[in-house]
Protein backbone atom coordinates (compact mmCIF):
# COMPACT_ATOMS: atom_id res chain seq x y z
CA UNK A 1 11.87 -75.53 35.02
CA UNK A 2 15.09 -73.71 35.96
CA UNK A 3 16.00 -70.15 35.02
CA UNK A 4 18.07 -71.16 31.99
CA UNK A 5 15.35 -73.43 30.62
CA UNK A 6 12.75 -70.71 31.11
CA UNK A 7 15.03 -68.20 29.38
CA UNK A 8 15.44 -70.62 26.48
CA UNK A 9 11.64 -70.96 26.11
CA UNK A 10 11.23 -67.19 25.99
CA UNK A 11 14.09 -66.85 23.51
CA UNK A 12 12.45 -69.42 21.22
CA UNK A 13 9.07 -67.68 21.43
CA UNK A 14 10.66 -64.28 20.90
CA UNK A 15 12.63 -65.58 17.93
CA UNK A 16 9.49 -66.98 16.28
CA UNK A 17 7.65 -63.69 16.76
CA UNK A 18 10.64 -61.74 15.46
CA UNK A 19 10.75 -63.86 12.30
CA UNK A 20 7.00 -63.43 11.81
CA UNK A 21 7.18 -59.66 12.28
CA UNK A 22 10.16 -59.46 9.90
CA UNK A 23 8.21 -61.30 7.19
CA UNK A 24 5.22 -59.02 7.71
CA UNK A 25 7.47 -55.98 7.37
CA UNK A 26 9.22 -57.27 4.25
CA UNK A 27 5.91 -58.21 2.63
CA UNK A 28 4.51 -54.74 3.53
CA UNK A 29 1.48 -56.27 5.20
CA UNK A 30 2.09 -54.38 8.43
CA UNK A 31 1.93 -55.57 12.02
CA UNK A 32 -1.86 -55.65 12.29
CA UNK A 33 -3.31 -59.04 13.27
CA UNK A 34 -5.57 -59.99 10.37
CA UNK A 35 -6.06 -62.81 7.88
CA UNK A 36 -3.22 -61.64 5.62
CA UNK A 37 -0.76 -61.55 8.51
CA UNK A 38 -1.91 -64.98 9.77
CA UNK A 39 -1.23 -66.44 6.32
CA UNK A 40 2.43 -65.59 6.83
CA UNK A 41 2.67 -67.86 9.89
CA UNK A 42 3.60 -71.06 7.95
CA UNK A 43 6.46 -69.22 6.24
CA UNK A 44 7.55 -67.80 9.59
CA UNK A 45 7.57 -71.27 11.13
CA UNK A 46 9.62 -72.63 8.22
CA UNK A 47 12.23 -69.87 8.55
CA UNK A 48 12.26 -70.34 12.33
CA UNK A 49 12.86 -74.10 11.98
CA UNK A 50 15.78 -73.47 9.61
CA UNK A 51 17.26 -70.91 12.00
CA UNK A 52 16.75 -73.29 14.92
CA UNK A 53 18.59 -76.03 13.05
CA UNK A 54 21.49 -73.69 12.34
CA UNK A 55 21.50 -72.61 15.98
CA UNK A 56 21.56 -76.17 17.31
CA UNK A 57 24.42 -77.10 14.98
CA UNK A 58 26.62 -74.00 14.97
CA UNK A 59 25.30 -70.73 16.45
CA UNK A 60 25.13 -72.02 20.04
CA UNK A 61 28.93 -72.23 20.03
CA UNK A 62 29.25 -68.42 19.90
CA UNK A 63 31.14 -67.21 23.00
CA UNK A 64 28.56 -64.47 23.60
CA UNK A 65 25.91 -67.13 24.35
CA UNK A 66 28.07 -69.24 26.66
CA UNK A 67 27.36 -69.23 30.38
CA UNK A 68 23.88 -67.68 30.40
CA UNK A 69 21.76 -69.01 27.53
CA UNK A 70 24.00 -72.03 26.84
CA UNK A 71 24.75 -73.63 30.23
CA UNK A 72 27.45 -76.02 29.00
CA UNK A 73 30.79 -75.58 27.17
CA UNK A 74 31.61 -76.54 23.61
CA UNK A 75 33.77 -79.67 23.93
CA UNK A 76 33.70 -80.80 20.31
CA UNK A 77 37.07 -81.81 18.93
CA UNK A 78 40.10 -83.97 19.64
CA UNK A 79 41.36 -84.51 23.19
CA UNK A 80 44.70 -86.24 23.68
CA UNK A 81 46.28 -87.77 26.76
CA UNK A 82 46.56 -91.05 28.59
CA UNK A 83 44.76 -93.72 30.57
CA UNK A 84 46.24 -94.94 33.85
CA UNK A 85 44.85 -98.27 35.05
CA UNK A 86 44.89 -99.42 38.66
CA UNK A 87 44.94 -103.05 37.50
CA UNK A 88 48.05 -104.93 38.66
CA UNK A 89 49.52 -107.65 36.46
CA UNK A 90 49.74 -110.75 38.73
CA UNK A 91 52.87 -111.91 36.89
CA UNK A 92 54.74 -108.60 36.82
CA UNK A 93 53.33 -107.42 40.18
CA UNK A 94 52.95 -103.84 38.99
CA UNK A 95 50.42 -101.68 37.17
CA UNK A 96 50.83 -101.32 33.39
CA UNK A 97 52.35 -98.22 31.87
CA UNK A 98 49.99 -95.35 30.96
CA UNK A 99 48.20 -95.92 27.67
CA UNK A 100 48.16 -93.15 25.05
CA UNK A 101 44.59 -92.26 24.16
CA UNK A 102 42.55 -89.94 21.97
CA UNK A 103 39.00 -88.87 22.82
CA UNK A 104 36.90 -87.65 19.89
CA UNK A 105 33.87 -85.62 21.00
CA UNK A 106 31.03 -84.76 18.63
CA UNK A 107 28.51 -82.29 19.99
CA UNK A 108 25.58 -80.10 19.06
CA UNK A 109 23.16 -78.20 21.28
CA UNK A 110 21.00 -81.25 22.02
CA UNK A 111 23.44 -84.17 22.05
CA UNK A 112 27.01 -85.25 22.68
CA UNK A 113 28.90 -88.46 21.86
CA UNK A 114 32.37 -89.72 22.74
CA UNK A 115 34.76 -92.12 21.02
CA UNK A 116 37.98 -93.17 22.78
CA UNK A 117 40.79 -94.63 20.68
CA UNK A 118 43.94 -96.44 21.80
CA UNK A 119 46.32 -98.66 19.83
CA UNK A 120 44.55 -101.79 21.08
CA UNK A 121 40.87 -100.86 21.29
CA UNK A 122 38.10 -98.40 20.46
CA UNK A 123 35.34 -97.30 22.84
CA UNK A 124 32.05 -95.70 21.83
CA UNK A 125 29.63 -93.97 24.16
CA UNK A 126 26.12 -95.38 24.53
CA UNK A 127 25.00 -92.35 26.55
CA UNK A 128 26.72 -89.08 27.43
CA UNK A 129 25.86 -85.81 29.16
CA UNK A 130 27.36 -82.69 30.69
CA UNK A 131 26.24 -81.97 34.24
CA UNK A 132 27.16 -80.11 37.39
CA UNK A 133 29.11 -81.85 40.15
CA UNK A 134 27.19 -81.11 43.36
CA UNK A 135 30.30 -81.40 45.52
CA UNK A 136 32.81 -79.31 43.58
CA UNK A 137 30.39 -77.11 41.67
CA UNK A 138 32.33 -77.85 38.48
CA UNK A 139 30.95 -79.08 35.20
CA UNK A 140 31.74 -82.67 34.28
CA UNK A 141 31.37 -84.95 31.29
CA UNK A 142 29.87 -88.36 32.08
CA UNK A 143 29.43 -91.20 29.61
CA UNK A 144 28.78 -94.93 29.41
CA UNK A 145 30.61 -96.84 26.70
CA UNK A 146 31.26 -100.15 25.02
CA UNK A 147 34.89 -101.11 24.41
CA UNK A 148 35.79 -103.16 21.33
CA UNK A 149 39.35 -104.59 21.15
CA UNK A 150 41.11 -104.56 17.80
CA UNK A 151 41.80 -107.88 16.05
CA UNK A 152 45.42 -108.00 17.22
CA UNK A 153 44.40 -107.66 20.90
CA UNK A 154 41.41 -110.01 21.09
CA UNK A 155 43.49 -112.85 22.51
CA UNK A 156 44.11 -110.68 25.59
CA UNK A 157 41.01 -108.50 25.72
CA UNK A 158 37.26 -109.01 25.44
CA UNK A 159 34.43 -106.67 24.58
CA UNK A 160 33.28 -104.97 27.77
CA UNK A 161 31.27 -102.04 29.09
CA UNK A 162 32.36 -99.12 31.21
CA UNK A 163 31.64 -95.61 32.44
CA UNK A 164 33.68 -92.47 32.98
CA UNK A 165 33.25 -89.16 34.80
CA UNK A 166 35.62 -86.38 33.72
CA UNK A 167 35.92 -82.94 35.28
CA UNK A 168 35.97 -80.14 32.71
CA UNK A 169 38.89 -77.75 33.18
CA UNK A 170 38.84 -74.32 31.52
CA UNK A 171 42.36 -73.11 32.26
CA UNK A 172 44.95 -71.91 29.73
CA UNK A 173 45.06 -75.51 28.48
CA UNK A 174 41.60 -77.01 28.48
CA UNK A 175 41.49 -80.40 30.16
CA UNK A 176 39.30 -83.40 30.95
CA UNK A 177 40.37 -85.40 33.98
CA UNK A 178 38.63 -88.08 36.01
CA UNK A 179 37.99 -91.74 36.65
CA UNK A 180 36.63 -94.74 34.80
CA UNK A 181 35.49 -98.22 35.76
CA UNK A 182 34.54 -101.25 33.71
CA UNK A 183 32.46 -104.42 33.80
CA UNK A 184 35.78 -106.30 34.09
CA UNK A 185 36.11 -104.81 37.60
CA UNK A 186 38.99 -102.56 36.60
CA UNK A 187 39.33 -98.87 37.36
CA UNK A 188 41.70 -96.06 36.53
CA UNK A 189 42.22 -92.42 35.59
CA UNK A 190 41.80 -90.55 32.31
CA UNK A 191 43.89 -87.41 31.74
CA UNK A 192 43.30 -85.44 28.54
CA UNK A 193 44.20 -82.05 27.03
CA UNK A 194 42.38 -80.30 24.21
CA UNK A 195 44.23 -80.73 20.93
CA UNK A 196 42.17 -79.68 17.91
CA UNK A 197 38.73 -78.76 16.60
CA UNK A 198 39.28 -81.10 13.65
CA UNK A 199 37.39 -84.39 13.67
CA UNK A 200 38.69 -87.59 12.12
CA UNK A 201 38.11 -91.28 12.91
CA UNK A 202 41.35 -92.38 14.60
CA UNK A 203 44.10 -89.78 15.21
CA UNK A 204 46.44 -92.51 16.52
CA UNK A 205 46.82 -94.02 13.06
């Protein structure tokens, strides 16, 4: 268990005790450990569970918790940019033009999912996580995905799987930049900038 995980365990235990003590105080039972105080434990657990749910959905995003208790950034929202493929068209003898793309990230304290939208296809993550790059020491978003071409592109594209690793930039304009590769043996770059906290199915429409 690392320091942050240990801190999280102690925060959870402390929070449960704080809720229990608050209920004892409000009910005027006092802080003595007796049968009456023990009967308040189920109510304390219920309140704690509700607070934990709120924390996992919303409270963890508070800037004051970022960096020490919450070891990863809040990426939820719309990211806009482009995909640059290294694939070379054998007929045109050059790589295709960059493809406009939107990445929709949904995130709570325990999970994260990614959906990439272009005009010709939609990709949905099958697994995603935020981790630390051992070489650069920077946080990165990694995800595996399945790509599903839209009806108008199925004569040129097939359903395929892929993976992407994106470095998380926290400059004046937040960014996600990195590489991807697919089961079709293609690779390329993904370059995105943060656009909005709003979430909607396909911002390209």
